[in-house]
Amino acid sequence: MKVLITGGTGYLGTELVKLLTKNASITEIVVYDNLGRNNFNLFLGHKMENHAKVKLVIGDILDSRLLKRQLKGVSVVYHLAANVTTPFSNTDPHFFEQVNHWGTAELVYAIEESEVSKVVYTSSTSVYGASKQLVSEDSIPNPRTFYGISKMRGEEHIMRLNDRLDTYILRCGNVYGYSRSMRFDAVINKFVFEANFNRRISINGKGNQSRSFIHIDKITRILNDIIFSQVPSGTYNIVGKNLAVLDIVDVLKEIYPDLEFSFVNQHLSLREIKVDPHSKLDAFLTIPHDGDLKNDLINFKERFSF
């Protein structure tokens, strides 16, 4: 089986590539990435198992001709490439539209002319927008951010493939945990970094806003297993736990007793979303057990050099 991963050098892609190399059923892994984040950790410091099966293609998701060439012989596409965050996330919709929306469209056009049989798309629970009620796969998307809108548009393009091949749209919670290609803009990762090196964190708003989260090891395992299981095409939520910001702070205080924290813009009422951790995917896959947050963060802490 030949697999292509867009965004394969990123936070999630790096861990997925490492796991897929251990799978004897996979003969070749094409890592398709423009290296736009200047993250080269996938290539350094370790030898992956069966690394000869991995091939790097430096290419843009909007380059439809290159995509078509690289899809020759590919059976499974993991579409992980996305613009996730930016300092101008509330003022620059074009930043997200180019990759998350139109980049997905270009990929779908290329897949339509290929022999690909399965597509796995990592979307986001941000497509649900904000809600005081617990949302599920049956909830109607109502994105409130440019990022959420762009991911919903990407979903619509992927759905065009439903009639001809297996398509899996995975709406992921906020991913956290150690990867060789770290993202420290994600809230839990950012807090752990600041707690470890500064012993001080800043909390936006009152800290009672909730988000859905999932550990990177859990989602990576799901991505690996889904292509070898009898899972029907569909849209599935991938969430481990729902946490308020202050819940995370409480756990960090146990790990770092001298931790200080301050509140910024306490007058703001920030968007929150809670997602039912029981997914329709549970009926088809053995979902890894959701770990204890404290143990997750202690394991993360042990990855730091000092």
C-alpha atoms as a PDB file:
ATOM      1  CA  MET A   1       0.000   0.000   0.000  1.00  0.00           C
ATOM      2  CA  LYS A   2       1.313   3.438  -0.980  1.00  0.00           C
ATOM      3  CA  VAL A   3       0.322   6.390   1.199  1.00  0.00           C
ATOM      4  CA  LEU A   4       0.610  10.151   0.641  1.00  0.00           C
ATOM      5  CA  ILE A   5       0.509  12.594   3.566  1.00  0.00           C
ATOM      6  CA  THR A   6       0.037  16.309   2.949  1.00  0.00           C
ATOM      7  CA  GLY A   7       1.622  18.347   5.716  1.00  0.00           C
ATOM      8  CA  GLY A   8       3.687  15.316   6.651  1.00  0.00           C
ATOM      9  CA  THR A   9       6.468  17.280   8.362  1.00  0.00           C
ATOM     10  CA  GLY A  10       4.102  19.097  10.724  1.00  0.00           C
ATOM     11  CA  TYR A  11       3.145  18.581  14.361  1.00  0.00           C
ATOM     12  CA  LEU A  12       0.768  15.685  13.704  1.00  0.00           C
ATOM     13  CA  GLY A  13       2.347  14.519  10.432  1.00  0.00           C
ATOM     14  CA  THR A  14       5.737  13.841  12.017  1.00  0.00           C
ATOM     15  CA  GLU A  15       4.242  11.419  14.536  1.00  0.00           C
ATOM     16  CA  LEU A  16       2.010   9.768  11.915  1.00  0.00           C
ATOM     17  CA  VAL A  17       4.933   9.153   9.555  1.00  0.00           C
ATOM     18  CA  LYS A  18       6.918   7.550  12.382  1.00  0.00           C
ATOM     19  CA  LEU A  19       4.010   5.221  13.214  1.00  0.00           C
ATOM     20  CA  LEU A  20       3.227   4.280   9.605  1.00  0.00           C
ATOM     21  CA  THR A  21       6.830   3.237   8.926  1.00  0.00           C
ATOM     22  CA  LYS A  22       6.298   0.424  11.457  1.00  0.00           C
ATOM     23  CA  ASN A  23       3.311  -0.913   9.493  1.00  0.00           C
ATOM     24  CA  ALA A  24       4.331  -3.803   7.247  1.00  0.00           C
ATOM     25  CA  SER A  25       1.250  -3.302   5.031  1.00  0.00           C
ATOM     26  CA  ILE A  26       2.559   0.082   3.879  1.00  0.00           C
ATOM     27  CA  THR A  27       5.238  -0.110   1.205  1.00  0.00           C
ATOM     28  CA  GLU A  28       5.825   3.597   0.524  1.00  0.00           C
ATOM     29  CA  ILE A  29       5.046   6.856   2.318  1.00  0.00           C
ATOM     30  CA  VAL A  30       5.136  10.097   0.337  1.00  0.00           C
ATOM     31  CA  VAL A  31       5.580  13.091   2.631  1.00  0.00           C
ATOM     32  CA  TYR A  32       4.168  16.025   0.655  1.00  0.00           C
ATOM     33  CA  ASP A  33       4.970  19.367   2.290  1.00  0.00           C
ATOM     34  CA  ASN A  34       6.070  22.870   1.297  1.00  0.00           C
ATOM     35  CA  LEU A  35       8.163  23.217   4.487  1.00  0.00           C
ATOM     36  CA  GLY A  36       6.439  26.559   4.987  1.00  0.00           C
ATOM     37  CA  ARG A  37       6.780  26.360   8.768  1.00  0.00           C
ATOM     38  CA  ASN A  38      10.541  25.807   8.474  1.00  0.00           C
ATOM     39  CA  ASN A  39      10.165  22.737  10.649  1.00  0.00           C
ATOM     40  CA  PHE A  40      12.843  20.182   9.780  1.00  0.00           C
ATOM     41  CA  ASN A  41      12.637  17.973  12.873  1.00  0.00           C
ATOM     42  CA  LEU A  42      11.231  15.020  10.916  1.00  0.00           C
ATOM     43  CA  PHE A  43      14.590  14.703   9.178  1.00  0.00           C
ATOM     44  CA  LEU A  44      16.929  15.014  12.149  1.00  0.00           C
ATOM     45  CA  GLY A  45      18.277  13.188  15.168  1.00  0.00           C
ATOM     46  CA  HIS A  46      16.892   9.683  14.704  1.00  0.00           C
ATOM     47  CA  LYS A  47      16.461   6.861  12.223  1.00  0.00           C
ATOM     48  CA  MET A  48      12.886   5.774  11.713  1.00  0.00           C
ATOM     49  CA  GLU A  49      12.091   2.102  11.362  1.00  0.00           C
ATOM     50  CA  ASN A  50      12.027   1.062   7.700  1.00  0.00           C
ATOM     51  CA  HIS A  51      12.994   4.620   6.760  1.00  0.00           C
ATOM     52  CA  ALA A  52      13.765   3.549   3.176  1.00  0.00           C
ATOM     53  CA  LYS A  53      10.032   3.512   2.456  1.00  0.00           C
ATOM     54  CA  VAL A  54       9.713   7.280   3.160  1.00  0.00           C
ATOM     55  CA  LYS A  55      10.035   9.799   0.330  1.00  0.00           C
ATOM     56  CA  LEU A  56       9.955  13.594   0.645  1.00  0.00           C
ATOM     57  CA  VAL A  57       8.291  15.741  -2.012  1.00  0.00           C
ATOM     58  CA  ILE A  58       8.621  19.487  -1.468  1.00  0.00           C
ATOM     59  CA  GLY A  59       5.467  20.888  -2.981  1.00  0.00           C
ATOM     60  CA  ASP A  60       2.587  23.258  -2.390  1.00  0.00           C
ATOM     61  CA  ILE A  61      -0.955  22.054  -1.840  1.00  0.00           C
ATOM     62  CA  LEU A  62      -2.070  24.519  -4.539  1.00  0.00           C
ATOM     63  CA  ASP A  63       0.220  22.916  -7.153  1.00  0.00           C
ATOM     64  CA  SER A  64      -2.345  20.661  -8.818  1.00  0.00           C
ATOM     65  CA  ARG A  65       0.015  19.359 -11.510  1.00  0.00           C
ATOM     66  CA  LEU A  66       2.602  18.200  -8.978  1.00  0.00           C
ATOM     67  CA  LEU A  67      -0.130  16.666  -6.838  1.00  0.00           C
ATOM     68  CA  LYS A  68      -1.433  14.635  -9.783  1.00  0.00           C
ATOM     69  CA  ARG A  69       2.038  13.262 -10.492  1.00  0.00           C
ATOM     70  CA  GLN A  70       2.629  12.287  -6.882  1.00  0.00           C
ATOM     71  CA  LEU A  71      -0.738  10.516  -6.600  1.00  0.00           C
ATOM     72  CA  LYS A  72       0.256   7.851  -9.131  1.00  0.00           C
ATOM     73  CA  GLY A  73      -0.003   4.483  -7.430  1.00  0.00           C
ATOM     74  CA  VAL A  74      -1.258   5.988  -4.160  1.00  0.00           C
ATOM     75  CA  SER A  75      -4.060   4.120  -2.366  1.00  0.00           C
ATOM     76  CA  VAL A  76      -4.529   6.300   0.729  1.00  0.00           C
ATOM     77  CA  VAL A  77      -4.275  10.077   1.182  1.00  0.00           C
ATOM     78  CA  TYR A  78      -4.001  11.708   4.582  1.00  0.00           C
ATOM     79  CA  HIS A  79      -4.786  15.392   4.200  1.00  0.00           C
ATOM     80  CA  LEU A  80      -3.193  17.094   7.210  1.00  0.00           C
ATOM     81  CA  ALA A  81      -1.836  20.246   5.540  1.00  0.00           C
ATOM     82  CA  ALA A  82      -3.457  23.379   6.950  1.00  0.00           C
ATOM     83  CA  ASN A  83      -2.862  26.897   8.110  1.00  0.00           C
ATOM     84  CA  VAL A  84      -3.789  26.635  11.751  1.00  0.00           C
ATOM     85  CA  THR A  85      -2.992  29.920  13.443  1.00  0.00           C
ATOM     86  CA  THR A  86      -1.540  33.362  12.790  1.00  0.00           C
ATOM     87  CA  PRO A  87      -1.240  36.647  14.678  1.00  0.00           C
ATOM     88  CA  PHE A  88      -3.755  38.003  12.160  1.00  0.00           C
ATOM     89  CA  SER A  89      -6.283  35.175  12.481  1.00  0.00           C
ATOM     90  CA  ASN A  90      -9.168  37.587  13.049  1.00  0.00           C
ATOM     91  CA  THR A  91      -8.243  40.007  10.290  1.00  0.00           C
ATOM     92  CA  ASP A  92      -6.850  37.908   7.431  1.00  0.00           C
ATOM     93  CA  PRO A  93      -9.296  35.299   6.111  1.00  0.00           C
ATOM     94  CA  HIS A  94      -7.208  34.936   2.936  1.00  0.00           C
ATOM     95  CA  PHE A  95      -4.454  33.271   4.996  1.00  0.00           C
ATOM     96  CA  PHE A  96      -6.779  30.377   5.836  1.00  0.00           C
ATOM     97  CA  GLU A  97      -8.794  30.299   2.616  1.00  0.00           C
ATOM     98  CA  GLN A  98      -5.778  29.741   0.368  1.00  0.00           C
ATOM     99  CA  VAL A  99      -4.670  26.484   1.995  1.00  0.00           C
ATOM    100  CA  ASN A 100      -7.555  25.104   4.050  1.00  0.00           C
ATOM    101  CA  HIS A 101     -10.277  25.834   1.493  1.00  0.00           C
ATOM    102  CA  TRP A 102      -8.776  26.145  -1.986  1.00  0.00           C
ATOM    103  CA  GLY A 103      -5.810  23.896  -1.248  1.00  0.00           C
ATOM    104  CA  THR A 104      -8.244  21.132  -0.297  1.00  0.00           C
ATOM    105  CA  ALA A 105     -10.173  21.813  -3.503  1.00  0.00           C
ATOM    106  CA  GLU A 106      -7.002  21.348  -5.589  1.00  0.00           C
ATOM    107  CA  LEU A 107      -6.227  18.106  -3.794  1.00  0.00           C
ATOM    108  CA  VAL A 108      -9.746  16.802  -4.432  1.00  0.00           C
ATOM    109  CA  TYR A 109      -9.481  17.665  -8.153  1.00  0.00           C
ATOM    110  CA  ALA A 110      -6.247  15.667  -8.313  1.00  0.00           C
ATOM    111  CA  ILE A 111      -7.717  12.715  -6.406  1.00  0.00           C
ATOM    112  CA  GLU A 112     -10.683  12.600  -8.784  1.00  0.00           C
ATOM    113  CA  GLU A 113      -8.239  11.773 -11.596  1.00  0.00           C
ATOM    114  CA  SER A 114      -6.326   9.164  -9.580  1.00  0.00           C
ATOM    115  CA  GLU A 115      -6.781   5.612  -8.286  1.00  0.00           C
ATOM    116  CA  VAL A 116      -6.883   6.642  -4.635  1.00  0.00           C
ATOM    117  CA  SER A 117      -9.333   4.490  -2.656  1.00  0.00           C
ATOM    118  CA  LYS A 118      -9.318   6.192   0.776  1.00  0.00           C
ATOM    119  CA  VAL A 119      -9.002   9.796   1.962  1.00  0.00           C
ATOM    120  CA  VAL A 120      -8.619  10.860   5.597  1.00  0.00           C
ATOM    121  CA  TYR A 121      -9.103  14.571   6.270  1.00  0.00           C
ATOM    122  CA  THR A 122      -8.272  16.133   9.629  1.00  0.00           C
ATOM    123  CA  SER A 123     -10.854  18.834  10.184  1.00  0.00           C
ATOM    124  CA  SER A 124     -11.554  20.598  13.477  1.00  0.00           C
ATOM    125  CA  THR A 125     -14.232  20.911  16.137  1.00  0.00           C
ATOM    126  CA  SER A 126     -13.990  24.652  15.438  1.00  0.00           C
ATOM    127  CA  VAL A 127     -16.541  24.058  12.661  1.00  0.00           C
ATOM    128  CA  TYR A 128     -19.167  23.924  15.440  1.00  0.00           C
ATOM    129  CA  GLY A 129     -18.388  27.484  16.483  1.00  0.00           C
ATOM    130  CA  ALA A 130     -19.423  28.176  20.072  1.00  0.00           C
ATOM    131  CA  SER A 131     -21.996  26.418  22.214  1.00  0.00           C
ATOM    132  CA  LYS A 132     -22.975  26.122  25.861  1.00  0.00           C
ATOM    133  CA  GLN A 133     -24.432  22.690  25.084  1.00  0.00           C
ATOM    134  CA  LEU A 134     -22.482  19.499  24.397  1.00  0.00           C
ATOM    135  CA  VAL A 135     -22.208  19.060  20.611  1.00  0.00           C
ATOM    136  CA  SER A 136     -21.998  15.788  18.661  1.00  0.00           C
ATOM    137  CA  GLU A 137     -21.633  14.647  15.050  1.00  0.00           C
ATOM    138  CA  ASP A 138     -25.354  15.358  14.638  1.00  0.00           C
ATOM    139  CA  SER A 139     -24.923  19.033  15.580  1.00  0.00           C
ATOM    140  CA  ILE A 140     -25.099  21.562  12.761  1.00  0.00           C
ATOM    141  CA  PRO A 141     -21.767  23.318  12.051  1.00  0.00           C
ATOM    142  CA  ASN A 142     -21.774  27.045  12.732  1.00  0.00           C
ATOM    143  CA  PRO A 143     -18.144  28.239  12.586  1.00  0.00           C
ATOM    144  CA  ARG A 144     -17.321  31.608  14.174  1.00  0.00           C
ATOM    145  CA  THR A 145     -13.701  32.061  13.054  1.00  0.00           C
ATOM    146  CA  PHE A 146     -12.003  32.341   9.674  1.00  0.00           C
ATOM    147  CA  TYR A 147     -10.139  29.134  10.498  1.00  0.00           C
ATOM    148  CA  GLY A 148     -13.358  27.269  11.324  1.00  0.00           C
ATOM    149  CA  ILE A 149     -15.042  28.504   8.141  1.00  0.00           C
ATOM    150  CA  SER A 150     -12.092  27.423   5.991  1.00  0.00           C
ATOM    151  CA  LYS A 151     -12.068  23.932   7.528  1.00  0.00           C
ATOM    152  CA  MET A 152     -15.811  23.573   6.909  1.00  0.00           C
ATOM    153  CA  ARG A 153     -15.292  24.549   3.251  1.00  0.00           C
ATOM    154  CA  GLY A 154     -12.555  21.932   3.076  1.00  0.00           C
ATOM    155  CA  GLU A 155     -14.994  19.327   4.403  1.00  0.00           C
ATOM    156  CA  GLU A 156     -17.449  20.210   1.635  1.00  0.00           C
ATOM    157  CA  HIS A 157     -14.807  19.513  -1.010  1.00  0.00           C
ATOM    158  CA  ILE A 158     -13.877  16.165   0.563  1.00  0.00           C
ATOM    159  CA  MET A 159     -17.553  15.160   0.633  1.00  0.00           C
ATOM    160  CA  ARG A 160     -17.621  15.379  -3.167  1.00  0.00           C
ATOM    161  CA  LEU A 161     -15.572  12.172  -3.188  1.00  0.00           C
ATOM    162  CA  ASN A 162     -18.118  10.155  -1.168  1.00  0.00           C
ATOM    163  CA  ASP A 163     -19.642   8.421  -4.193  1.00  0.00           C
ATOM    164  CA  ARG A 164     -16.370   7.088  -5.565  1.00  0.00           C
ATOM    165  CA  LEU A 165     -14.142   6.211  -2.584  1.00  0.00           C
ATOM    166  CA  ASP A 166     -13.962   5.930   1.194  1.00  0.00           C
ATOM    167  CA  THR A 167     -13.760   9.347   2.832  1.00  0.00           C
ATOM    168  CA  TYR A 168     -13.207  10.048   6.525  1.00  0.00           C
ATOM    169  CA  ILE A 169     -13.590  13.537   7.942  1.00  0.00           C
ATOM    170  CA  LEU A 170     -12.184  13.660  11.469  1.00  0.00           C
ATOM    171  CA  ARG A 171     -13.164  16.730  13.480  1.00  0.00           C
ATOM    172  CA  CYS A 172     -10.355  16.884  15.998  1.00  0.00           C
ATOM    173  CA  GLY A 173     -10.246  18.677  19.311  1.00  0.00           C
ATOM    174  CA  ASN A 174      -7.246  20.807  20.276  1.00  0.00           C
ATOM    175  CA  VAL A 175      -4.253  18.507  19.939  1.00  0.00           C
ATOM    176  CA  TYR A 176      -1.658  18.499  22.713  1.00  0.00           C
ATOM    177  CA  GLY A 177       1.380  16.461  23.718  1.00  0.00           C
ATOM    178  CA  TYR A 178       4.929  15.890  22.600  1.00  0.00           C
ATOM    179  CA  SER A 179       5.951  15.645  18.953  1.00  0.00           C
ATOM    180  CA  ARG A 180       9.376  16.121  17.430  1.00  0.00           C
ATOM    181  CA  SER A 181       7.762  18.914  15.393  1.00  0.00           C
ATOM    182  CA  MET A 182       6.204  20.817  18.275  1.00  0.00           C
ATOM    183  CA  ARG A 183       3.515  23.464  18.135  1.00  0.00           C
ATOM    184  CA  PHE A 184       3.725  25.793  21.094  1.00  0.00           C
ATOM    185  CA  ASP A 185       0.812  27.991  20.026  1.00  0.00           C
ATOM    186  CA  ALA A 186      -1.684  25.304  21.133  1.00  0.00           C
ATOM    187  CA  VAL A 187      -2.959  26.202  24.596  1.00  0.00           C
ATOM    188  CA  ILE A 188      -1.843  23.194  26.661  1.00  0.00           C
ATOM    189  CA  ASN A 189       1.548  22.999  24.948  1.00  0.00           C
ATOM    190  CA  LYS A 190       2.060  26.726  25.443  1.00  0.00           C
ATOM    191  CA  PHE A 191       1.154  26.513  29.141  1.00  0.00           C
ATOM    192  CA  VAL A 192       3.519  23.587  29.756  1.00  0.00           C
ATOM    193  CA  PHE A 193       6.395  25.396  28.058  1.00  0.00           C
ATOM    194  CA  GLU A 194       5.817  28.601  30.034  1.00  0.00           C
ATOM    195  CA  ALA A 195       5.346  26.730  33.301  1.00  0.00           C
ATOM    196  CA  ASN A 196       8.551  24.749  32.844  1.00  0.00           C
ATOM    197  CA  PHE A 197      10.830  27.623  31.878  1.00  0.00           C
ATOM    198  CA  ASN A 198       9.177  30.748  33.307  1.00  0.00           C
ATOM    199  CA  ARG A 199       7.090  29.370  36.186  1.00  0.00           C
ATOM    200  CA  ARG A 200       4.470  31.870  35.065  1.00  0.00           C
ATOM    201  CA  ILE A 201       1.540  31.681  32.650  1.00  0.00           C
ATOM    202  CA  SER A 202      -0.972  34.230  31.346  1.00  0.00           C
ATOM    203  CA  ILE A 203      -4.659  33.388  31.086  1.00  0.00           C
ATOM    204  CA  ASN A 204      -6.917  35.188  28.634  1.00  0.00           C
ATOM    205  CA  GLY A 205     -10.354  36.027  29.993  1.00  0.00           C
ATOM    206  CA  LYS A 206     -11.610  34.552  33.250  1.00  0.00           C
ATOM    207  CA  GLY A 207     -10.250  31.079  32.545  1.00  0.00           C
ATOM    208  CA  ASN A 208     -13.620  29.335  32.767  1.00  0.00           C
ATOM    209  CA  GLN A 209     -13.954  28.946  28.996  1.00  0.00           C
ATOM    210  CA  SER A 210     -13.912  25.281  27.905  1.00  0.00           C
ATOM    211  CA  ARG A 211     -12.413  23.558  24.887  1.00  0.00           C
ATOM    212  CA  SER A 212     -12.215  19.978  23.660  1.00  0.00           C
ATOM    213  CA  PHE A 213      -8.778  18.316  23.628  1.00  0.00           C
ATOM    214  CA  ILE A 214      -7.121  15.165  22.331  1.00  0.00           C
ATOM    215  CA  HIS A 215      -3.633  13.793  22.949  1.00  0.00           C
ATOM    216  CA  ILE A 216      -1.436  13.485  19.880  1.00  0.00           C
ATOM    217  CA  ASP A 217      -0.693   9.791  20.517  1.00  0.00           C
ATOM    218  CA  LYS A 218      -4.395   8.993  20.556  1.00  0.00           C
ATOM    219  CA  ILE A 219      -5.236  10.728  17.296  1.00  0.00           C
ATOM    220  CA  THR A 220      -2.150   9.291  15.598  1.00  0.00           C
ATOM    221  CA  ARG A 221      -3.259   5.783  16.521  1.00  0.00           C
ATOM    222  CA  ILE A 222      -6.756   6.458  15.178  1.00  0.00           C
ATOM    223  CA  LEU A 223      -5.308   7.761  11.900  1.00  0.00           C
ATOM    224  CA  ASN A 224      -3.237   4.594  11.555  1.00  0.00           C
ATOM    225  CA  ASP A 225      -6.073   2.198  12.388  1.00  0.00           C
ATOM    226  CA  ILE A 226      -8.875   3.767  10.377  1.00  0.00           C
ATOM    227  CA  ILE A 227      -7.480   2.802   6.975  1.00  0.00           C
ATOM    228  CA  PHE A 228      -7.313  -0.880   7.972  1.00  0.00           C
ATOM    229  CA  SER A 229     -10.781  -1.109   9.522  1.00  0.00           C
ATOM    230  CA  GLN A 230     -14.281  -1.494   8.119  1.00  0.00           C
ATOM    231  CA  VAL A 231     -15.307   2.051   8.944  1.00  0.00           C
ATOM    232  CA  PRO A 232     -18.041   3.549   6.753  1.00  0.00           C
ATOM    233  CA  SER A 233     -17.408   6.882   5.081  1.00  0.00           C
ATOM    234  CA  GLY A 234     -18.534   9.727   7.277  1.00  0.00           C
ATOM    235  CA  THR A 235     -17.766  12.596   9.592  1.00  0.00           C
ATOM    236  CA  TYR A 236     -16.527  11.739  13.071  1.00  0.00           C
ATOM    237  CA  ASN A 237     -15.558  13.747  16.141  1.00  0.00           C
ATOM    238  CA  ILE A 238     -12.189  12.866  17.672  1.00  0.00           C
ATOM    239  CA  VAL A 239     -12.069  14.236  21.218  1.00  0.00           C
ATOM    240  CA  GLY A 240     -10.470  12.960  24.413  1.00  0.00           C
ATOM    241  CA  LYS A 241     -11.678  15.354  27.090  1.00  0.00           C
ATOM    242  CA  ASN A 242     -13.324  18.728  27.665  1.00  0.00           C
ATOM    243  CA  LEU A 243     -11.418  21.095  29.931  1.00  0.00           C
ATOM    244  CA  ALA A 244     -11.760  24.639  31.155  1.00  0.00           C
ATOM    245  CA  VAL A 245      -8.547  26.657  31.124  1.00  0.00           C
ATOM    246  CA  LEU A 246      -8.549  26.718  34.923  1.00  0.00           C
ATOM    247  CA  ASP A 247      -8.734  22.901  34.972  1.00  0.00           C
ATOM    248  CA  ILE A 248      -5.443  22.831  33.093  1.00  0.00           C
ATOM    249  CA  VAL A 249      -3.936  25.394  35.458  1.00  0.00           C
ATOM    250  CA  ASP A 250      -4.950  23.293  38.486  1.00  0.00           C
ATOM    251  CA  VAL A 251      -3.071  20.285  37.111  1.00  0.00           C
ATOM    252  CA  LEU A 252      -0.024  22.389  36.268  1.00  0.00           C
ATOM    253  CA  LYS A 253       0.007  23.705  39.844  1.00  0.00           C
ATOM    254  CA  GLU A 254       0.315  20.117  41.066  1.00  0.00           C
ATOM    255  CA  ILE A 255       3.319  19.562  38.814  1.00  0.00           C
ATOM    256  CA  TYR A 256       4.896  22.992  39.398  1.00  0.00           C
ATOM    257  CA  PRO A 257       3.874  24.080  42.942  1.00  0.00           C
ATOM    258  CA  ASP A 258       5.633  27.446  42.555  1.00  0.00           C
ATOM    259  CA  LEU A 259       3.724  28.295  39.376  1.00  0.00           C
ATOM    260  CA  GLU A 260       2.315  31.819  39.163  1.00  0.00           C
ATOM    261  CA  PHE A 261      -0.473  32.901  36.829  1.00  0.00           C
ATOM    262  CA  SER A 262      -2.114  36.153  35.851  1.00  0.00           C
ATOM    263  CA  PHE A 263      -5.317  37.068  34.030  1.00  0.00           C
ATOM    264  CA  VAL A 264      -5.394  39.208  30.901  1.00  0.00           C
ATOM    265  CA  ASN A 265      -8.584  40.881  29.634  1.00  0.00           C
ATOM    266  CA  GLN A 266     -10.717  39.401  32.393  1.00  0.00           C
ATOM    267  CA  HIS A 267     -13.667  41.452  31.192  1.00  0.00           C
ATOM    268  CA  LEU A 268     -13.905  39.420  27.979  1.00  0.00           C
ATOM    269  CA  SER A 269     -16.327  36.533  27.645  1.00  0.00           C
ATOM    270  CA  LEU A 270     -14.410  34.161  25.376  1.00  0.00           C
ATOM    271  CA  ARG A 271     -15.828  31.557  23.024  1.00  0.00           C
ATOM    272  CA  GLU A 272     -16.176  28.039  24.385  1.00  0.00           C
ATOM    273  CA  ILE A 273     -17.126  24.674  22.964  1.00  0.00           C
ATOM    274  CA  LYS A 274     -17.659  21.242  24.506  1.00  0.00           C
ATOM    275  CA  VAL A 275     -17.803  18.138  22.322  1.00  0.00           C
ATOM    276  CA  ASP A 276     -19.263  14.776  23.284  1.00  0.00           C
ATOM    277  CA  PRO A 277     -16.226  12.456  23.600  1.00  0.00           C
ATOM    278  CA  HIS A 278     -18.404   9.481  22.592  1.00  0.00           C
ATOM    279  CA  SER A 279     -18.035   9.316  18.816  1.00  0.00           C
ATOM    280  CA  LYS A 280     -19.847   7.202  16.233  1.00  0.00           C
ATOM    281  CA  LEU A 281     -16.359   5.923  15.419  1.00  0.00           C
ATOM    282  CA  ASP A 282     -16.412   3.955  18.699  1.00  0.00           C
ATOM    283  CA  ALA A 283     -18.596   1.323  17.017  1.00  0.00           C
ATOM    284  CA  PHE A 284     -15.923   0.501  14.429  1.00  0.00           C
ATOM    285  CA  LEU A 285     -12.546   1.108  16.070  1.00  0.00           C
ATOM    286  CA  THR A 286     -10.940   0.241  19.368  1.00  0.00           C
ATOM    287  CA  ILE A 287     -10.285   3.789  20.501  1.00  0.00           C
ATOM    288  CA  PRO A 288      -7.232   4.127  22.762  1.00  0.00           C
ATOM    289  CA  HIS A 289      -8.011   4.901  26.390  1.00  0.00           C
ATOM    290  CA  ASP A 290      -7.969   8.594  27.191  1.00  0.00           C
ATOM    291  CA  GLY A 291      -5.031   9.214  29.509  1.00  0.00           C
ATOM    292  CA  ASP A 292      -4.968  11.133  32.750  1.00  0.00           C
ATOM    293  CA  LEU A 293      -4.084  14.774  32.083  1.00  0.00           C
ATOM    294  CA  LYS A 294      -1.549  14.948  34.906  1.00  0.00           C
ATOM    295  CA  ASN A 295       0.341  11.910  33.614  1.00  0.00           C
ATOM    296  CA  ASP A 296       0.198  13.306  30.076  1.00  0.00           C
ATOM    297  CA  LEU A 297       1.752  16.583  31.222  1.00  0.00           C
ATOM    298  CA  ILE A 298       4.394  14.886  33.369  1.00  0.00           C
ATOM    299  CA  ASN A 299       5.428  12.796  30.357  1.00  0.00           C
ATOM    300  CA  PHE A 300       5.543  15.972  28.287  1.00  0.00           C
ATOM    301  CA  LYS A 301       7.664  17.670  30.939  1.00  0.00           C
ATOM    302  CA  GLU A 302      10.194  14.836  30.808  1.00  0.00           C
ATOM    303  CA  ARG A 303      10.829  15.630  27.128  1.00  0.00           C
ATOM    304  CA  PHE A 304      12.342  19.022  27.915  1.00  0.00           C
ATOM    305  CA  SER A 305      16.143  19.264  27.911  1.00  0.00           C
ATOM    306  CA  PHE A 306      16.206  21.128  31.230  1.00  0.00           C
END
